[in-house]
Amino acid sequence: MKSILFKSLVGAGVLALSLTAAPQDRPRDDDSYHSDRDARFHDEHWRGHLFEDVRQDLEHVRSTTWPSGGDNYRLDDTVAALNQLQGKLADHVYDERDLNNVIGVLSRVVSDNRMRPRDRDILNDDLSRLRDYRDHHADWDR
């Protein structure tokens, strides 16, 4: 009887420690992503990587949020619209309707998806940069 009780207590202790240790590691990784992202935009050539950076932010949000149908659908829709836009830009075709579509679907992600406030902030920053690109794309070096 003592053996069963001892094993139960040890098992419960290990479970409790593993549950409390896991959340402590996650914010450090999250902080790492955000600080690395901030560093990318301190580079003077960030404009040439805007669309890749937006995609990277979307993948980060996907990896840190609970998967659900609507949230994943909106993320997939945004990545597909971004791919279409980038394909045309690679062929030196600027299509403002495609850019507006990316801005629209990303706006829906920001307003409707469940995510942490810091992740919402980075996607709002991406929206601002995309709108700036739309307004001044002729002056941007790609």
N, C-alpha and C. Protein backbone atom coordinates (compact mmCIF):
# COMPACT_ATOMS: atom_id res chain seq x y z
N MET A 1 0.81 -1.20 0.00
CA MET A 1 0.00 0.00 0.00
C MET A 1 0.86 1.26 0.00
N LYS A 2 1.94 1.23 0.79
CA LYS A 2 2.84 2.38 0.83
C LYS A 2 3.46 2.61 -0.54
N SER A 3 3.77 1.52 -1.24
CA SER A 3 4.39 1.63 -2.55
C SER A 3 3.46 2.33 -3.55
N ILE A 4 2.20 1.98 -3.54
CA ILE A 4 1.23 2.59 -4.45
C ILE A 4 1.06 4.07 -4.11
N LEU A 5 0.94 4.37 -2.84
CA LEU A 5 0.80 5.76 -2.41
C LEU A 5 2.02 6.58 -2.79
N PHE A 6 3.22 6.01 -2.56
CA PHE A 6 4.46 6.71 -2.90
C PHE A 6 4.55 6.97 -4.40
N LYS A 7 4.24 5.96 -5.22
CA LYS A 7 4.29 6.13 -6.68
C LYS A 7 3.28 7.16 -7.16
N SER A 8 2.12 7.18 -6.53
CA SER A 8 1.10 8.17 -6.90
C SER A 8 1.56 9.58 -6.58
N LEU A 9 2.15 9.76 -5.40
CA LEU A 9 2.64 11.08 -5.01
C LEU A 9 3.79 11.54 -5.92
N VAL A 10 4.70 10.63 -6.24
CA VAL A 10 5.81 10.99 -7.13
C VAL A 10 5.27 11.34 -8.51
N GLY A 11 4.34 10.55 -9.02
CA GLY A 11 3.74 10.82 -10.33
C GLY A 11 3.04 12.17 -10.35
N ALA A 12 2.29 12.48 -9.29
CA ALA A 12 1.59 13.76 -9.21
C ALA A 12 2.59 14.92 -9.13
N GLY A 13 3.69 14.70 -8.40
CA GLY A 13 4.71 15.74 -8.30
C GLY A 13 5.37 16.02 -9.63
N VAL A 14 5.71 14.96 -10.36
CA VAL A 14 6.33 15.13 -11.69
C VAL A 14 5.36 15.84 -12.64
N LEU A 15 4.10 15.45 -12.60
CA LEU A 15 3.10 16.09 -13.45
C LEU A 15 2.97 17.57 -13.11
N ALA A 16 2.91 17.88 -11.83
CA ALA A 16 2.77 19.28 -11.42
C ALA A 16 3.99 20.10 -11.85
N LEU A 17 5.18 19.55 -11.72
CA LEU A 17 6.39 20.27 -12.13
C LEU A 17 6.43 20.47 -13.64
N SER A 18 6.01 19.48 -14.39
CA SER A 18 6.04 19.63 -15.84
C SER A 18 5.02 20.65 -16.31
N LEU A 19 3.89 20.74 -15.64
CA LEU A 19 2.88 21.73 -16.03
C LEU A 19 3.31 23.15 -15.69
N THR A 20 4.06 23.32 -14.61
CA THR A 20 4.49 24.66 -14.24
C THR A 20 5.74 25.07 -14.99
N ALA A 21 6.56 24.12 -15.43
CA ALA A 21 7.79 24.46 -16.13
C ALA A 21 7.52 24.87 -17.57
N ALA A 22 6.55 24.25 -18.22
CA ALA A 22 6.29 24.53 -19.63
C ALA A 22 5.90 25.98 -19.89
N PRO A 23 4.98 26.57 -19.14
CA PRO A 23 4.62 27.96 -19.42
C PRO A 23 5.77 28.94 -19.18
N GLN A 24 6.73 28.59 -18.34
CA GLN A 24 7.84 29.50 -18.07
C GLN A 24 8.75 29.61 -19.28
N ASP A 25 8.87 28.55 -20.07
CA ASP A 25 9.75 28.59 -21.23
C ASP A 25 9.13 29.34 -22.39
N ARG A 26 7.83 29.29 -22.55
CA ARG A 26 7.18 29.85 -23.73
C ARG A 26 7.35 31.36 -23.88
N PRO A 27 7.15 32.17 -22.83
CA PRO A 27 7.31 33.61 -23.03
C PRO A 27 8.73 34.00 -23.45
N ARG A 28 9.72 33.25 -22.99
CA ARG A 28 11.09 33.56 -23.37
C ARG A 28 11.24 33.37 -24.88
N ASP A 29 10.68 32.28 -25.43
CA ASP A 29 10.73 32.04 -26.87
C ASP A 29 9.94 33.12 -27.61
N ASP A 30 8.79 33.47 -27.05
CA ASP A 30 7.95 34.49 -27.65
C ASP A 30 8.69 35.83 -27.67
N ASP A 31 9.34 36.17 -26.58
CA ASP A 31 10.12 37.40 -26.54
C ASP A 31 11.23 37.37 -27.57
N SER A 32 11.83 36.22 -27.76
CA SER A 32 12.89 36.07 -28.75
C SER A 32 12.36 36.37 -30.14
N TYR A 33 11.20 35.84 -30.48
CA TYR A 33 10.63 36.11 -31.80
C TYR A 33 10.38 37.59 -31.97
N HIS A 34 9.78 38.22 -30.97
CA HIS A 34 9.44 39.64 -31.10
C HIS A 34 10.69 40.52 -31.18
N SER A 35 11.72 40.19 -30.42
CA SER A 35 12.95 41.00 -30.50
C SER A 35 13.66 40.78 -31.83
N ASP A 36 13.66 39.54 -32.34
CA ASP A 36 14.24 39.29 -33.66
C ASP A 36 13.46 40.03 -34.73
N ARG A 37 12.15 40.04 -34.62
CA ARG A 37 11.31 40.73 -35.60
C ARG A 37 11.60 42.23 -35.56
N ASP A 38 11.68 42.79 -34.37
CA ASP A 38 11.98 44.22 -34.26
C ASP A 38 13.33 44.54 -34.89
N ALA A 39 14.30 43.66 -34.72
CA ALA A 39 15.63 43.88 -35.30
C ALA A 39 15.56 43.86 -36.83
N ARG A 40 14.70 43.03 -37.40
CA ARG A 40 14.58 42.99 -38.87
C ARG A 40 14.16 44.34 -39.43
N PHE A 41 13.33 45.05 -38.70
CA PHE A 41 12.83 46.32 -39.20
C PHE A 41 13.76 47.49 -38.89
N HIS A 42 14.83 47.23 -38.15
CA HIS A 42 15.83 48.28 -37.93
C HIS A 42 16.84 48.32 -39.08
N ASP A 43 16.87 47.27 -39.87
CA ASP A 43 17.72 47.22 -41.06
C ASP A 43 17.17 48.20 -42.09
N GLU A 44 18.04 48.89 -42.78
CA GLU A 44 17.58 49.89 -43.75
C GLU A 44 16.93 49.26 -44.99
N HIS A 45 17.10 47.96 -45.19
CA HIS A 45 16.57 47.30 -46.38
C HIS A 45 15.32 46.47 -46.08
N TRP A 46 14.61 46.76 -45.01
CA TRP A 46 13.45 45.95 -44.64
C TRP A 46 12.35 46.01 -45.68
N ARG A 47 12.28 47.08 -46.43
CA ARG A 47 11.20 47.22 -47.42
C ARG A 47 11.27 46.13 -48.48
N GLY A 48 12.46 45.71 -48.84
CA GLY A 48 12.63 44.68 -49.84
C GLY A 48 12.20 43.30 -49.36
N HIS A 49 11.99 43.17 -48.06
CA HIS A 49 11.60 41.89 -47.47
C HIS A 49 10.23 41.95 -46.81
N LEU A 50 9.48 42.99 -47.10
CA LEU A 50 8.21 43.20 -46.41
C LEU A 50 7.29 41.99 -46.50
N PHE A 51 7.09 41.47 -47.69
CA PHE A 51 6.11 40.40 -47.86
C PHE A 51 6.58 39.10 -47.20
N GLU A 52 7.88 38.84 -47.24
CA GLU A 52 8.41 37.67 -46.53
C GLU A 52 8.24 37.83 -45.02
N ASP A 53 8.45 39.06 -44.53
CA ASP A 53 8.30 39.31 -43.11
C ASP A 53 6.84 39.17 -42.66
N VAL A 54 5.91 39.63 -43.48
CA VAL A 54 4.49 39.46 -43.16
C VAL A 54 4.16 37.97 -43.10
N ARG A 55 4.66 37.22 -44.07
CA ARG A 55 4.42 35.77 -44.07
C ARG A 55 5.00 35.12 -42.82
N GLN A 56 6.20 35.53 -42.44
CA GLN A 56 6.84 34.99 -41.25
C GLN A 56 6.01 35.32 -40.00
N ASP A 57 5.48 36.52 -39.93
CA ASP A 57 4.63 36.90 -38.79
C ASP A 57 3.36 36.05 -38.76
N LEU A 58 2.78 35.79 -39.93
CA LEU A 58 1.58 34.96 -39.99
C LEU A 58 1.88 33.54 -39.52
N GLU A 59 3.03 33.01 -39.91
CA GLU A 59 3.41 31.66 -39.47
C GLU A 59 3.67 31.64 -37.98
N HIS A 60 4.24 32.71 -37.45
CA HIS A 60 4.45 32.80 -36.00
C HIS A 60 3.10 32.77 -35.28
N VAL A 61 2.15 33.57 -35.76
CA VAL A 61 0.82 33.60 -35.13
C VAL A 61 0.18 32.21 -35.21
N ARG A 62 0.31 31.55 -36.34
CA ARG A 62 -0.24 30.20 -36.49
C ARG A 62 0.38 29.25 -35.46
N SER A 63 1.67 29.38 -35.24
CA SER A 63 2.36 28.44 -34.34
C SER A 63 2.08 28.71 -32.86
N THR A 64 1.60 29.90 -32.53
CA THR A 64 1.40 30.23 -31.11
C THR A 64 -0.06 30.31 -30.70
N THR A 65 -0.97 30.10 -31.63
CA THR A 65 -2.39 30.16 -31.28
C THR A 65 -3.01 28.78 -31.36
N TRP A 66 -4.10 28.61 -30.66
CA TRP A 66 -4.81 27.35 -30.65
C TRP A 66 -5.45 27.15 -32.02
N PRO A 67 -5.20 25.98 -32.63
CA PRO A 67 -5.76 25.76 -33.97
C PRO A 67 -7.28 25.61 -33.92
N SER A 68 -7.95 26.38 -34.71
CA SER A 68 -9.39 26.23 -34.85
C SER A 68 -9.76 26.54 -36.29
N GLY A 69 -10.90 26.09 -36.71
CA GLY A 69 -11.31 26.21 -38.10
C GLY A 69 -11.26 27.60 -38.67
N GLY A 70 -11.98 28.53 -38.05
CA GLY A 70 -12.04 29.89 -38.57
C GLY A 70 -10.70 30.61 -38.53
N ASP A 71 -9.98 30.44 -37.44
CA ASP A 71 -8.68 31.10 -37.31
C ASP A 71 -7.72 30.59 -38.38
N ASN A 72 -7.64 29.29 -38.55
CA ASN A 72 -6.75 28.72 -39.57
C ASN A 72 -7.19 29.09 -40.97
N TYR A 73 -8.48 29.11 -41.20
CA TYR A 73 -8.99 29.47 -42.54
C TYR A 73 -8.57 30.89 -42.90
N ARG A 74 -8.72 31.82 -41.96
CA ARG A 74 -8.33 33.20 -42.24
C ARG A 74 -6.83 33.33 -42.47
N LEU A 75 -6.03 32.58 -41.70
CA LEU A 75 -4.58 32.60 -41.90
C LEU A 75 -4.21 32.03 -43.27
N ASP A 76 -4.84 30.91 -43.63
CA ASP A 76 -4.58 30.30 -44.95
C ASP A 76 -4.98 31.25 -46.07
N ASP A 77 -6.12 31.90 -45.91
CA ASP A 77 -6.61 32.85 -46.92
C ASP A 77 -5.63 34.01 -47.09
N THR A 78 -5.08 34.47 -45.99
CA THR A 78 -4.13 35.58 -46.04
C THR A 78 -2.84 35.16 -46.75
N VAL A 79 -2.33 33.99 -46.42
CA VAL A 79 -1.11 33.50 -47.05
C VAL A 79 -1.34 33.30 -48.55
N ALA A 80 -2.50 32.76 -48.94
CA ALA A 80 -2.80 32.56 -50.36
C ALA A 80 -2.85 33.90 -51.10
N ALA A 81 -3.49 34.90 -50.50
CA ALA A 81 -3.56 36.23 -51.12
C ALA A 81 -2.17 36.85 -51.23
N LEU A 82 -1.36 36.65 -50.21
CA LEU A 82 0.00 37.17 -50.22
C LEU A 82 0.83 36.48 -51.30
N ASN A 83 0.66 35.17 -51.46
CA ASN A 83 1.37 34.44 -52.52
C ASN A 83 0.98 34.96 -53.91
N GLN A 84 -0.30 35.22 -54.10
CA GLN A 84 -0.77 35.72 -55.39
C GLN A 84 -0.16 37.10 -55.68
N LEU A 85 -0.16 37.95 -54.67
CA LEU A 85 0.42 39.29 -54.83
C LEU A 85 1.91 39.19 -55.15
N GLN A 86 2.63 38.37 -54.40
CA GLN A 86 4.07 38.24 -54.63
C GLN A 86 4.38 37.66 -55.99
N GLY A 87 3.55 36.74 -56.45
CA GLY A 87 3.75 36.18 -57.78
C GLY A 87 3.69 37.25 -58.85
N LYS A 88 2.72 38.11 -58.74
CA LYS A 88 2.60 39.20 -59.73
C LYS A 88 3.75 40.20 -59.59
N LEU A 89 4.11 40.52 -58.35
CA LEU A 89 5.21 41.47 -58.16
C LEU A 89 6.53 40.90 -58.69
N ALA A 90 6.71 39.58 -58.58
CA ALA A 90 7.91 38.94 -59.13
C ALA A 90 7.98 39.10 -60.64
N ASP A 91 6.81 39.18 -61.27
CA ASP A 91 6.74 39.41 -62.73
C ASP A 91 6.67 40.90 -63.05
N HIS A 92 6.94 41.74 -62.05
CA HIS A 92 6.95 43.20 -62.19
C HIS A 92 5.57 43.76 -62.54
N VAL A 93 4.54 43.15 -61.99
CA VAL A 93 3.17 43.62 -62.19
C VAL A 93 2.62 44.04 -60.82
N TYR A 94 2.33 45.33 -60.70
CA TYR A 94 1.71 45.84 -59.47
C TYR A 94 0.21 45.82 -59.66
N ASP A 95 -0.48 45.08 -58.81
CA ASP A 95 -1.94 44.99 -58.89
C ASP A 95 -2.51 45.46 -57.54
N GLU A 96 -3.01 46.67 -57.54
CA GLU A 96 -3.50 47.26 -56.29
C GLU A 96 -4.69 46.48 -55.73
N ARG A 97 -5.49 45.86 -56.60
CA ARG A 97 -6.61 45.05 -56.10
C ARG A 97 -6.10 43.87 -55.28
N ASP A 98 -5.02 43.23 -55.76
CA ASP A 98 -4.44 42.13 -54.99
C ASP A 98 -3.88 42.62 -53.66
N LEU A 99 -3.23 43.77 -53.67
CA LEU A 99 -2.71 44.33 -52.43
C LEU A 99 -3.85 44.67 -51.47
N ASN A 100 -4.92 45.25 -51.99
CA ASN A 100 -6.08 45.55 -51.15
C ASN A 100 -6.70 44.27 -50.60
N ASN A 101 -6.67 43.20 -51.39
CA ASN A 101 -7.17 41.91 -50.91
C ASN A 101 -6.33 41.40 -49.74
N VAL A 102 -5.01 41.49 -49.86
CA VAL A 102 -4.12 41.08 -48.76
C VAL A 102 -4.41 41.91 -47.52
N ILE A 103 -4.54 43.21 -47.70
CA ILE A 103 -4.83 44.09 -46.56
C ILE A 103 -6.17 43.72 -45.94
N GLY A 104 -7.17 43.42 -46.77
CA GLY A 104 -8.49 43.06 -46.26
C GLY A 104 -8.50 41.76 -45.48
N VAL A 105 -7.86 40.72 -46.03
CA VAL A 105 -7.89 39.43 -45.32
C VAL A 105 -7.02 39.48 -44.07
N LEU A 106 -5.92 40.23 -44.12
CA LEU A 106 -5.10 40.38 -42.91
C LEU A 106 -5.86 41.19 -41.85
N SER A 107 -6.64 42.16 -42.27
CA SER A 107 -7.47 42.92 -41.32
C SER A 107 -8.46 42.00 -40.62
N ARG A 108 -9.03 41.04 -41.36
CA ARG A 108 -9.96 40.09 -40.74
C ARG A 108 -9.25 39.19 -39.74
N VAL A 109 -8.00 38.80 -40.04
CA VAL A 109 -7.23 38.01 -39.08
C VAL A 109 -7.04 38.81 -37.80
N VAL A 110 -6.64 40.08 -37.96
CA VAL A 110 -6.38 40.92 -36.79
C VAL A 110 -7.65 41.12 -35.96
N SER A 111 -8.77 41.31 -36.62
CA SER A 111 -10.00 41.61 -35.87
C SER A 111 -10.70 40.36 -35.34
N ASP A 112 -10.57 39.21 -36.04
CA ASP A 112 -11.38 38.05 -35.68
C ASP A 112 -10.61 36.91 -35.02
N ASN A 113 -9.33 36.76 -35.30
CA ASN A 113 -8.58 35.62 -34.75
C ASN A 113 -8.27 35.83 -33.28
N ARG A 114 -8.18 34.70 -32.58
CA ARG A 114 -7.77 34.73 -31.18
C ARG A 114 -6.26 34.63 -31.12
N MET A 115 -5.63 35.62 -30.51
CA MET A 115 -4.18 35.64 -30.39
C MET A 115 -3.78 36.54 -29.24
N ARG A 116 -2.53 36.48 -28.90
CA ARG A 116 -2.01 37.32 -27.82
C ARG A 116 -1.94 38.77 -28.28
N PRO A 117 -2.05 39.70 -27.35
CA PRO A 117 -2.00 41.12 -27.71
C PRO A 117 -0.73 41.50 -28.47
N ARG A 118 0.42 40.95 -28.08
CA ARG A 118 1.67 41.29 -28.78
C ARG A 118 1.64 40.81 -30.22
N ASP A 119 1.03 39.64 -30.44
CA ASP A 119 0.93 39.13 -31.81
C ASP A 119 -0.03 39.97 -32.64
N ARG A 120 -1.11 40.42 -32.01
CA ARG A 120 -2.04 41.32 -32.71
C ARG A 120 -1.31 42.62 -33.07
N ASP A 121 -0.46 43.09 -32.17
CA ASP A 121 0.31 44.31 -32.44
C ASP A 121 1.23 44.15 -33.65
N ILE A 122 1.90 42.99 -33.77
CA ILE A 122 2.81 42.84 -34.91
C ILE A 122 2.02 42.75 -36.21
N LEU A 123 0.85 42.12 -36.18
CA LEU A 123 0.05 42.06 -37.40
C LEU A 123 -0.54 43.44 -37.74
N ASN A 124 -0.88 44.22 -36.73
CA ASN A 124 -1.31 45.60 -36.99
C ASN A 124 -0.17 46.42 -37.59
N ASP A 125 1.04 46.18 -37.11
CA ASP A 125 2.21 46.85 -37.68
C ASP A 125 2.39 46.43 -39.14
N ASP A 126 2.20 45.14 -39.43
CA ASP A 126 2.28 44.67 -40.82
C ASP A 126 1.23 45.36 -41.69
N LEU A 127 0.02 45.50 -41.16
CA LEU A 127 -1.04 46.19 -41.90
C LEU A 127 -0.62 47.63 -42.22
N SER A 128 -0.06 48.29 -41.25
CA SER A 128 0.38 49.67 -41.45
C SER A 128 1.46 49.74 -42.53
N ARG A 129 2.38 48.81 -42.51
CA ARG A 129 3.46 48.81 -43.51
C ARG A 129 2.91 48.48 -44.90
N LEU A 130 1.93 47.57 -44.98
CA LEU A 130 1.32 47.25 -46.28
C LEU A 130 0.56 48.45 -46.83
N ARG A 131 -0.13 49.17 -45.96
CA ARG A 131 -0.84 50.38 -46.41
C ARG A 131 0.15 51.45 -46.87
N ASP A 132 1.27 51.55 -46.15
CA ASP A 132 2.32 52.49 -46.56
C ASP A 132 2.88 52.09 -47.92
N TYR A 133 3.07 50.80 -48.13
CA TYR A 133 3.54 50.33 -49.44
C TYR A 133 2.53 50.69 -50.53
N ARG A 134 1.25 50.48 -50.24
CA ARG A 134 0.21 50.81 -51.24
C ARG A 134 0.26 52.30 -51.59
N ASP A 135 0.45 53.14 -50.60
CA ASP A 135 0.45 54.58 -50.82
C ASP A 135 1.70 55.10 -51.50
N HIS A 136 2.84 54.38 -51.31
CA HIS A 136 4.13 54.90 -51.80
C HIS A 136 4.93 53.86 -52.57
N HIS A 137 4.28 52.87 -53.17
CA HIS A 137 5.00 51.77 -53.80
C HIS A 137 5.94 52.22 -54.92
N ALA A 138 5.62 53.28 -55.59
CA ALA A 138 6.47 53.75 -56.70
C ALA A 138 7.83 54.25 -56.18
N ASP A 139 7.86 54.68 -54.93
CA ASP A 139 9.10 55.21 -54.36
C ASP A 139 9.94 54.17 -53.63
N TRP A 140 9.40 52.96 -53.46
CA TRP A 140 10.09 51.93 -52.69
C TRP A 140 11.06 51.16 -53.57
N ASP A 141 12.22 50.87 -53.00
CA ASP A 141 13.16 49.96 -53.66
C ASP A 141 12.74 48.54 -53.30
N ARG A 142 12.60 47.70 -54.31
CA ARG A 142 12.21 46.31 -54.02
C ARG A 142 13.38 45.42 -53.90
